[in-house]
Amino acid sequence: MKNAFLKHYGATLLLLLGLVAGGVLGAVVPASGPFLRPVGQLFLNLIFVLVVPLVFFSVAQSMISMRGSGIIGKVLGAALGVFLAMSLLAGVFSYGLMLVWNPFAHAAGGAGAATGAGLDVQLGDALVNAFTVNDFPLLLSREHLLPLIVFSALFGLAVAWLDKTVSTMKRFIAEGSDILMKMMGIVMKLAPIGLGCYFADIIGQLGGQIVGDYLQIFLVVSTATAVCYFVFQSLYALFCRIPLGHFWKEMIPPSATAVGTCSSAACMPVSMAAARNLGVSEKIADGIIPLGTNLHKDGSVVTSIAKVLFALYFFGMAQGGIGMAALVVGLAILESIVVGAIPVGGMTGELLICAVLGLDPAFAATLLVIGTICDIPATLLNATGNLTAALLVQRVVPVDRN
């Protein structure tokens, strides 16, 4: 039992221990920051050099796998529509809740223009800069992750559509993805030390108030996640004409697995079994749930809303209006897709946020703290949301269980 606990939570506990130790050191001995900063920057640089090839191989491989999953036509279209609708609902609700229960007020203007540049974000310009570049070499930069993701997805789909004529390329992409993920996994073993030193420097500069901000963010994210988990998923079940007692009985195994393992991938077998018990056809259950594990993560959307708002308030960029709401929710959904496509993605999602908002990439480490402390509630909603998505797809596009 002890070994199983350490297997599933050991890395997270070590990372939290490193952050706590760094935070305490930075608060007690602020002058230690300049001495520890190079260690933190060394870790960040190791992450940065792996991000571009990791994104290319992982996203391309994800597209190839999706093409070969057998989920085509109306079923795939319905799945993507359901994924987007559920993520939008979770994102819009979380955004509204975090405007009412604002845990970011103390962080407002925390760095001003010292860490970011060009922070006057307009929705149209942000979208153009986020999705496109005007020259191929610009794709090979961590500042342009979303254009790289678009290119990688198109490349992967093109390889998949050419089928057997490029089998060598398929193997190259699959093996390259495995190698890069393994490399990232090795580097992330240094995260407790690297991020601990980085966090010590941040606390030394900004003071201990940011620790209280993180606690408030955890509470509001957990509240938003609880509403999405209990209320929204119950409404989805009722829409699918499933009795709530039967629905929640089948939700227990994937929910317990999510909390016990902190891994959406580990929940796939029990989620597929639960979906079949709830009347979902085997084809939909065995196709939609693995696909959703990569592309659909409502829990990550909720957490990403907090990350984006924290960044906006921290740099004094927070504004009102529909445009800013669309930017926050849209960027949160994109970040969740990136994290879903890259299981060991390091700070890929956080770097995407920094790239779109025009922030120093080193700020991604600060955002990673939010993802770390909110990992358990996010995983719970991620895993169970894909079970609910399979029910909704079955409702929209009925498929015979046989």
Protein backbone atom coordinates (compact mmCIF):
# COMPACT_ATOMS: atom_id res chain seq x y z
CA MET A 1 0.00 0.00 0.00
CA LYS A 2 2.83 2.36 0.93
CA ASN A 3 4.74 1.55 -2.26
CA ALA A 4 1.62 2.14 -4.37
CA PHE A 5 1.05 5.52 -2.72
CA LEU A 6 4.64 6.60 -3.33
CA LYS A 7 4.46 5.36 -6.93
CA HIS A 8 1.44 7.52 -7.71
CA TYR A 9 2.16 10.56 -5.55
CA GLY A 10 5.92 10.47 -4.98
CA ALA A 11 6.81 12.90 -7.77
CA THR A 12 4.06 15.34 -6.79
CA LEU A 13 5.04 15.22 -3.10
CA LEU A 14 8.70 15.82 -3.91
CA LEU A 15 7.77 18.77 -6.12
CA LEU A 16 5.56 20.26 -3.39
CA LEU A 17 8.34 19.68 -0.84
CA GLY A 18 10.79 21.51 -3.08
CA LEU A 19 8.37 24.42 -3.52
CA VAL A 20 7.70 24.65 0.23
CA ALA A 21 11.40 24.51 1.06
CA GLY A 22 12.15 27.15 -1.56
CA GLY A 23 9.31 29.36 -0.37
CA VAL A 24 10.45 29.19 3.25
CA LEU A 25 14.05 29.90 2.32
CA GLY A 26 13.04 32.84 0.14
CA ALA A 27 10.85 34.31 2.89
CA VAL A 28 13.39 33.83 5.70
CA VAL A 29 16.53 34.68 3.72
CA PRO A 30 15.48 36.93 0.80
CA ALA A 31 19.14 37.56 -0.07
CA SER A 32 19.49 33.89 -1.08
CA GLY A 33 17.52 34.55 -4.28
CA PRO A 34 20.41 35.76 -6.46
CA PHE A 35 22.51 32.73 -5.47
CA LEU A 36 19.70 30.21 -6.14
CA ARG A 37 18.43 31.84 -9.34
CA PRO A 38 21.08 30.22 -11.62
CA VAL A 39 20.05 26.74 -10.44
CA GLY A 40 16.41 27.47 -11.22
CA GLN A 41 17.33 28.97 -14.59
CA LEU A 42 19.44 25.91 -15.44
CA PHE A 43 16.39 23.70 -14.92
CA LEU A 44 14.19 26.02 -16.99
CA ASN A 45 16.70 26.03 -19.84
CA LEU A 46 16.70 22.22 -19.93
CA ILE A 47 12.92 22.32 -20.25
CA PHE A 48 13.00 25.04 -22.91
CA VAL A 49 15.30 23.17 -25.29
CA LEU A 50 13.01 20.10 -25.26
CA VAL A 51 9.70 21.88 -25.73
CA VAL A 52 9.77 22.47 -29.50
CA PRO A 53 10.70 18.91 -30.61
CA LEU A 54 8.40 17.45 -27.94
CA VAL A 55 5.42 19.41 -29.22
CA PHE A 56 6.10 18.44 -32.83
CA PHE A 57 6.48 14.70 -32.24
CA SER A 58 3.71 14.39 -29.66
CA VAL A 59 1.04 16.35 -31.53
CA ALA A 60 1.86 14.66 -34.85
CA GLN A 61 1.69 11.24 -33.18
CA SER A 62 -1.63 12.16 -31.54
CA MET A 63 -3.13 13.01 -34.94
CA ILE A 64 -1.85 9.76 -36.47
CA SER A 65 -3.32 7.76 -33.59
CA MET A 66 -6.66 9.54 -33.87
CA ARG A 67 -6.80 8.81 -37.60
CA GLY A 68 -6.20 5.11 -36.90
CA SER A 69 -8.64 4.82 -34.01
CA GLY A 70 -11.59 3.85 -36.20
CA ILE A 71 -13.67 6.79 -34.98
CA ILE A 72 -14.68 8.49 -38.18
CA GLY A 73 -17.51 10.46 -39.72
CA LYS A 74 -20.38 11.58 -37.53
CA VAL A 75 -19.01 9.92 -34.40
CA LEU A 76 -15.72 11.85 -34.53
CA GLY A 77 -17.53 15.09 -35.35
CA ALA A 78 -19.96 14.56 -32.48
CA ALA A 79 -17.07 13.76 -30.12
CA LEU A 80 -15.20 16.95 -30.96
CA GLY A 81 -18.41 18.97 -30.62
CA VAL A 82 -19.15 17.43 -27.22
CA PHE A 83 -15.56 18.01 -26.05
CA LEU A 84 -15.74 21.68 -27.03
CA ALA A 85 -19.20 22.25 -25.53
CA MET A 86 -18.25 20.68 -22.19
CA SER A 87 -14.97 22.62 -22.03
CA LEU A 88 -16.73 25.88 -22.88
CA LEU A 89 -19.32 25.36 -20.16
CA ALA A 90 -16.65 24.54 -17.57
CA GLY A 91 -14.50 27.47 -18.71
CA VAL A 92 -17.27 30.08 -18.79
CA PHE A 93 -18.60 29.01 -15.38
CA SER A 94 -15.11 29.03 -13.83
CA TYR A 95 -14.33 32.43 -15.34
CA GLY A 96 -17.54 33.88 -13.89
CA LEU A 97 -16.90 32.33 -10.48
CA MET A 98 -13.35 33.68 -10.37
CA LEU A 99 -14.58 37.18 -11.20
CA VAL A 100 -16.98 37.03 -8.25
CA TRP A 101 -14.62 35.18 -5.90
CA ASN A 102 -11.44 36.91 -7.01
CA PRO A 103 -8.33 35.31 -5.48
CA PHE A 104 -5.99 37.38 -7.67
CA ALA A 105 -6.52 40.88 -6.23
CA HIS A 106 -3.38 40.85 -4.07
CA ALA A 107 -1.30 39.78 -7.07
CA ALA A 108 -2.46 42.72 -9.20
CA GLY A 109 0.48 44.65 -10.61
CA GLY A 110 2.92 42.30 -8.91
CA ALA A 111 5.60 42.75 -11.57
CA GLY A 112 4.43 45.50 -13.84
CA ALA A 113 6.51 45.85 -16.96
CA ALA A 114 9.65 44.42 -15.39
CA THR A 115 9.01 40.84 -16.48
CA GLY A 116 6.70 41.17 -19.46
CA ALA A 117 6.74 43.23 -22.60
CA GLY A 118 3.96 44.40 -24.87
CA LEU A 119 1.25 43.53 -22.33
CA ASP A 120 -1.61 45.52 -23.89
CA VAL A 121 -3.38 42.45 -25.26
CA GLN A 122 -6.12 42.83 -27.90
CA LEU A 123 -8.19 39.80 -28.81
CA GLY A 124 -7.75 40.03 -32.60
CA ASP A 125 -4.01 40.60 -32.44
CA ALA A 126 -3.64 37.89 -29.81
CA LEU A 127 -5.39 35.35 -32.02
CA VAL A 128 -3.32 36.22 -35.09
CA ASN A 129 -0.06 36.11 -33.14
CA ALA A 130 -1.10 32.95 -31.33
CA PHE A 131 -2.03 30.85 -34.38
CA THR A 132 0.31 32.06 -37.11
CA VAL A 133 3.85 33.10 -37.96
CA ASN A 134 5.06 34.55 -41.25
CA ASP A 135 8.18 32.41 -41.73
CA PHE A 136 8.96 28.73 -41.13
CA PRO A 137 12.06 29.24 -38.91
CA LEU A 138 9.84 31.07 -36.40
CA LEU A 139 8.09 27.76 -35.70
CA LEU A 140 11.30 26.51 -34.09
CA SER A 141 10.90 28.77 -31.09
CA ARG A 142 9.13 28.29 -27.78
CA GLU A 143 7.59 31.75 -28.22
CA HIS A 144 5.45 30.37 -31.07
CA LEU A 145 4.08 27.14 -29.63
CA LEU A 146 0.55 27.39 -30.99
CA PRO A 147 1.61 27.86 -34.63
CA LEU A 148 3.94 24.89 -34.08
CA ILE A 149 1.00 22.86 -32.75
CA VAL A 150 -1.10 23.74 -35.82
CA PHE A 151 1.77 22.78 -38.14
CA SER A 152 2.41 19.54 -36.23
CA ALA A 153 -1.28 18.57 -36.34
CA LEU A 154 -1.45 19.15 -40.09
CA PHE A 155 1.78 17.21 -40.59
CA GLY A 156 0.49 14.29 -38.53
CA LEU A 157 -2.84 14.20 -40.38
CA ALA A 158 -1.06 14.32 -43.75
CA VAL A 159 1.14 11.39 -42.75
CA ALA A 160 -1.89 9.46 -41.49
CA TRP A 161 -3.89 10.08 -44.67
CA LEU A 162 -1.05 8.81 -46.84
CA ASP A 163 -1.36 5.47 -44.99
CA LYS A 164 1.15 2.72 -45.85
CA THR A 165 3.20 4.80 -48.26
CA VAL A 166 4.86 6.57 -45.35
CA SER A 167 5.04 3.79 -42.77
CA THR A 168 8.69 4.69 -42.12
CA MET A 169 7.68 8.25 -41.26
CA LYS A 170 5.00 6.94 -38.89
CA ARG A 171 7.55 4.86 -37.04
CA PHE A 172 9.94 7.81 -36.92
CA ILE A 173 7.27 10.04 -35.38
CA ALA A 174 6.12 7.37 -32.88
CA GLU A 175 9.66 6.59 -31.77
CA GLY A 176 10.62 10.27 -31.68
CA SER A 177 7.62 10.97 -29.45
CA ASP A 178 8.60 8.20 -27.06
CA ILE A 179 12.21 9.41 -26.91
CA LEU A 180 11.30 13.06 -26.27
CA MET A 181 8.78 12.14 -23.58
CA LYS A 182 11.38 9.99 -21.88
CA MET A 183 13.89 12.84 -22.02
CA MET A 184 11.32 15.22 -20.53
CA GLY A 185 10.59 12.69 -17.81
CA ILE A 186 14.29 12.56 -16.92
CA VAL A 187 14.58 16.35 -16.79
CA MET A 188 11.41 16.67 -14.68
CA LYS A 189 13.07 14.57 -11.99
CA LEU A 190 15.13 17.70 -11.32
CA ALA A 191 11.97 19.79 -10.85
CA PRO A 192 11.89 19.73 -7.01
CA ILE A 193 15.37 21.30 -6.88
CA GLY A 194 15.06 23.55 -9.93
CA LEU A 195 11.61 24.92 -9.16
CA GLY A 196 12.42 25.12 -5.46
CA CYS A 197 15.34 27.44 -6.23
CA TYR A 198 13.23 29.44 -8.69
CA PHE A 199 10.44 29.77 -6.12
CA ALA A 200 12.91 30.92 -3.45
CA ASP A 201 13.99 33.72 -5.76
CA ILE A 202 10.36 34.70 -6.50
CA ILE A 203 9.41 34.75 -2.80
CA GLY A 204 12.54 36.71 -1.99
CA GLN A 205 11.52 39.37 -4.52
CA LEU A 206 7.77 39.49 -3.96
CA GLY A 207 7.34 38.43 -0.34
CA GLY A 208 5.22 35.74 1.30
CA GLN A 209 1.87 37.18 0.18
CA ILE A 210 2.04 35.10 -3.01
CA VAL A 211 1.81 31.91 -0.90
CA GLY A 212 -1.57 33.08 0.43
CA ASP A 213 -2.61 33.84 -3.15
CA TYR A 214 -1.88 30.25 -4.14
CA LEU A 215 -4.04 28.94 -1.28
CA GLN A 216 -6.95 31.14 -2.37
CA ILE A 217 -6.52 29.96 -5.95
CA PHE A 218 -6.61 26.32 -4.81
CA LEU A 219 -9.86 26.95 -2.93
CA VAL A 220 -11.64 28.65 -5.83
CA VAL A 221 -10.41 26.04 -8.34
CA SER A 222 -11.59 23.24 -6.05
CA THR A 223 -15.00 24.91 -5.71
CA ALA A 224 -15.38 25.34 -9.47
CA THR A 225 -14.29 21.74 -10.00
CA ALA A 226 -16.82 20.48 -7.43
CA VAL A 227 -19.69 22.27 -9.19
CA CYS A 228 -18.62 20.90 -12.59
CA TYR A 229 -18.22 17.41 -11.10
CA PHE A 230 -21.46 17.11 -9.12
CA VAL A 231 -23.89 19.54 -10.79
CA PHE A 232 -22.91 19.63 -14.46
CA GLN A 233 -22.27 15.90 -14.74
CA SER A 234 -25.62 15.15 -13.09
CA LEU A 235 -27.31 17.38 -15.67
CA TYR A 236 -25.47 15.58 -18.47
CA ALA A 237 -26.68 12.24 -17.09
CA LEU A 238 -30.27 13.46 -16.96
CA PHE A 239 -29.97 14.71 -20.55
CA CYS A 240 -28.84 11.21 -21.51
CA ARG A 241 -31.87 9.79 -19.66
CA ILE A 242 -29.80 7.88 -17.13
CA PRO A 243 -31.07 7.62 -13.53
CA LEU A 244 -28.76 9.55 -11.22
CA GLY A 245 -28.42 6.64 -8.79
CA HIS A 246 -27.19 4.34 -11.56
CA PHE A 247 -24.97 7.06 -12.99
CA TRP A 248 -23.18 7.91 -9.74
CA LYS A 249 -22.78 4.25 -8.82
CA GLU A 250 -20.79 3.73 -12.04
CA MET A 251 -18.86 6.97 -11.48
CA ILE A 252 -17.32 5.67 -8.25
CA PRO A 253 -14.60 3.43 -9.81
CA PRO A 254 -13.18 6.05 -12.24
CA SER A 255 -13.45 8.76 -9.57
CA ALA A 256 -11.59 6.67 -7.01
CA THR A 257 -8.98 5.71 -9.60
CA ALA A 258 -8.45 9.36 -10.55
CA VAL A 259 -7.91 10.44 -6.95
CA GLY A 260 -5.84 7.36 -6.14
CA THR A 261 -3.48 7.57 -9.13
CA CYS A 262 -3.60 11.25 -10.17
CA SER A 263 -3.49 9.95 -13.75
CA SER A 264 -6.18 10.28 -16.41
CA ALA A 265 -4.55 7.53 -18.46
CA ALA A 266 -4.84 5.09 -15.55
CA CYS A 267 -8.59 5.75 -15.46
CA MET A 268 -9.26 4.70 -19.05
CA PRO A 269 -9.97 0.97 -18.44
CA VAL A 270 -12.40 1.58 -15.56
CA SER A 271 -14.04 4.48 -17.42
CA MET A 272 -14.60 2.28 -20.49
CA ALA A 273 -16.15 -0.43 -18.32
CA ALA A 274 -18.38 2.10 -16.57
CA ALA A 275 -19.48 3.56 -19.92
CA ARG A 276 -20.51 0.11 -21.17
CA ASN A 277 -22.45 -0.48 -17.95
CA LEU A 278 -24.29 2.78 -18.60
CA GLY A 279 -25.36 1.66 -22.06
CA VAL A 280 -22.63 3.12 -24.28
CA SER A 281 -21.64 1.02 -27.27
CA GLU A 282 -18.21 -0.62 -27.15
CA LYS A 283 -17.07 1.26 -30.24
CA ILE A 284 -17.85 4.65 -28.70
CA ALA A 285 -16.57 3.77 -25.22
CA ASP A 286 -13.29 2.33 -26.49
CA GLY A 287 -12.75 5.19 -28.92
CA ILE A 288 -14.08 8.36 -27.30
CA ILE A 289 -12.54 7.87 -23.85
CA PRO A 290 -8.92 7.41 -25.07
CA LEU A 291 -9.40 10.26 -27.54
CA GLY A 292 -10.79 12.46 -24.77
CA THR A 293 -7.86 11.62 -22.52
CA ASN A 294 -5.68 13.45 -25.06
CA LEU A 295 -7.98 16.21 -26.26
CA HIS A 296 -10.64 16.83 -23.61
CA LYS A 297 -9.79 17.86 -20.04
CA ASP A 298 -12.39 19.96 -18.26
CA GLY A 299 -10.41 19.90 -15.02
CA SER A 300 -7.41 21.33 -16.83
CA VAL A 301 -9.66 24.03 -18.32
CA VAL A 302 -10.75 25.10 -14.82
CA THR A 303 -7.15 25.21 -13.60
CA SER A 304 -6.02 27.01 -16.76
CA ILE A 305 -8.62 29.74 -16.21
CA ALA A 306 -6.90 30.39 -12.88
CA LYS A 307 -3.45 30.38 -14.51
CA VAL A 308 -4.43 32.89 -17.20
CA LEU A 309 -6.22 35.20 -14.75
CA PHE A 310 -3.29 35.03 -12.34
CA ALA A 311 -0.93 36.09 -15.14
CA LEU A 312 -3.23 38.91 -16.27
CA TYR A 313 -3.65 40.30 -12.75
CA PHE A 314 0.01 39.81 -11.88
CA PHE A 315 1.11 41.98 -14.78
CA GLY A 316 -1.73 44.50 -14.46
CA MET A 317 -3.35 43.34 -17.71
CA ALA A 318 -6.78 42.36 -16.38
CA GLN A 319 -9.65 44.11 -18.15
CA GLY A 320 -13.39 43.65 -18.42
CA GLY A 321 -15.56 42.95 -21.42
CA ILE A 322 -16.40 40.11 -23.76
CA GLY A 323 -13.04 40.28 -25.54
CA MET A 324 -11.04 39.56 -22.41
CA ALA A 325 -13.46 36.82 -21.36
CA ALA A 326 -13.09 35.17 -24.78
CA LEU A 327 -9.31 35.44 -24.56
CA VAL A 328 -9.17 33.86 -21.09
CA VAL A 329 -11.59 31.01 -21.83
CA GLY A 330 -10.19 30.33 -25.30
CA LEU A 331 -6.60 30.31 -24.10
CA ALA A 332 -7.55 28.03 -21.18
CA ILE A 333 -9.14 25.52 -23.57
CA LEU A 334 -6.10 25.60 -25.86
CA GLU A 335 -3.77 25.10 -22.90
CA SER A 336 -5.80 22.11 -21.73
CA ILE A 337 -5.57 20.52 -25.18
CA VAL A 338 -1.79 20.94 -25.23
CA VAL A 339 -1.46 19.37 -21.79
CA GLY A 340 -3.77 16.53 -22.84
CA ALA A 341 -1.79 15.76 -25.98
CA ILE A 342 1.52 15.64 -24.12
CA PRO A 343 1.35 13.46 -21.01
CA VAL A 344 4.81 14.43 -19.77
CA GLY A 345 4.78 17.92 -21.20
CA GLY A 346 6.71 19.70 -18.50
CA MET A 347 5.59 23.34 -18.70
CA THR A 348 4.29 23.22 -22.27
CA GLY A 349 0.86 24.58 -21.39
CA GLU A 350 2.28 27.29 -19.16
CA LEU A 351 4.74 28.30 -21.89
CA LEU A 352 1.81 28.56 -24.30
CA ILE A 353 0.10 31.02 -21.95
CA CYS A 354 3.28 33.08 -21.70
CA ALA A 355 3.74 33.04 -25.48
CA VAL A 356 0.20 34.24 -26.23
CA LEU A 357 0.28 36.95 -23.56
CA GLY A 358 3.80 38.08 -24.48
CA LEU A 359 5.36 37.23 -21.11
CA ASP A 360 8.86 36.16 -20.17
CA PRO A 361 8.87 32.34 -20.56
CA ALA A 362 10.46 32.03 -17.11
CA PHE A 363 7.08 33.04 -15.64
CA ALA A 364 5.81 29.59 -16.72
CA ALA A 365 7.42 28.15 -13.60
CA THR A 366 5.21 30.38 -11.45
CA LEU A 367 2.11 29.16 -13.29
CA LEU A 368 3.24 25.54 -12.91
CA VAL A 369 2.78 25.89 -9.15
CA ILE A 370 -0.96 26.40 -9.72
CA GLY A 371 -1.13 23.27 -11.86
CA THR A 372 0.74 21.27 -9.23
CA ILE A 373 -1.41 22.20 -6.24
CA CYS A 374 -4.63 21.72 -8.24
CA ASP A 375 -3.60 18.43 -9.84
CA ILE A 376 -5.91 16.10 -7.89
CA PRO A 377 -9.21 17.97 -8.48
CA ALA A 378 -8.21 18.57 -12.10
CA THR A 379 -7.51 14.87 -12.69
CA LEU A 380 -10.83 13.90 -11.07
CA LEU A 381 -12.81 16.10 -13.47
CA ASN A 382 -10.62 15.23 -16.46
CA ALA A 383 -11.13 11.49 -16.10
CA THR A 384 -14.82 11.45 -15.23
CA GLY A 385 -15.58 14.11 -17.83
CA ASN A 386 -14.50 11.74 -20.57
CA LEU A 387 -16.89 9.08 -19.30
CA THR A 388 -19.69 11.65 -19.43
CA ALA A 389 -18.57 12.73 -22.90
CA ALA A 390 -18.97 9.13 -24.14
CA LEU A 391 -22.56 9.16 -22.82
CA LEU A 392 -23.30 12.41 -24.62
CA VAL A 393 -21.83 11.15 -27.90
CA GLN A 394 -23.97 8.00 -27.61
CA ARG A 395 -27.00 10.25 -27.06
CA VAL A 396 -26.21 12.52 -30.03
CA VAL A 397 -25.15 9.73 -32.44
CA PRO A 398 -26.82 6.50 -31.30
CA VAL A 399 -24.66 3.46 -32.06
CA ASP A 400 -25.81 -0.12 -31.54
CA ARG A 401 -24.00 -1.75 -28.61
CA ASN A 402 -23.33 -4.75 -30.81
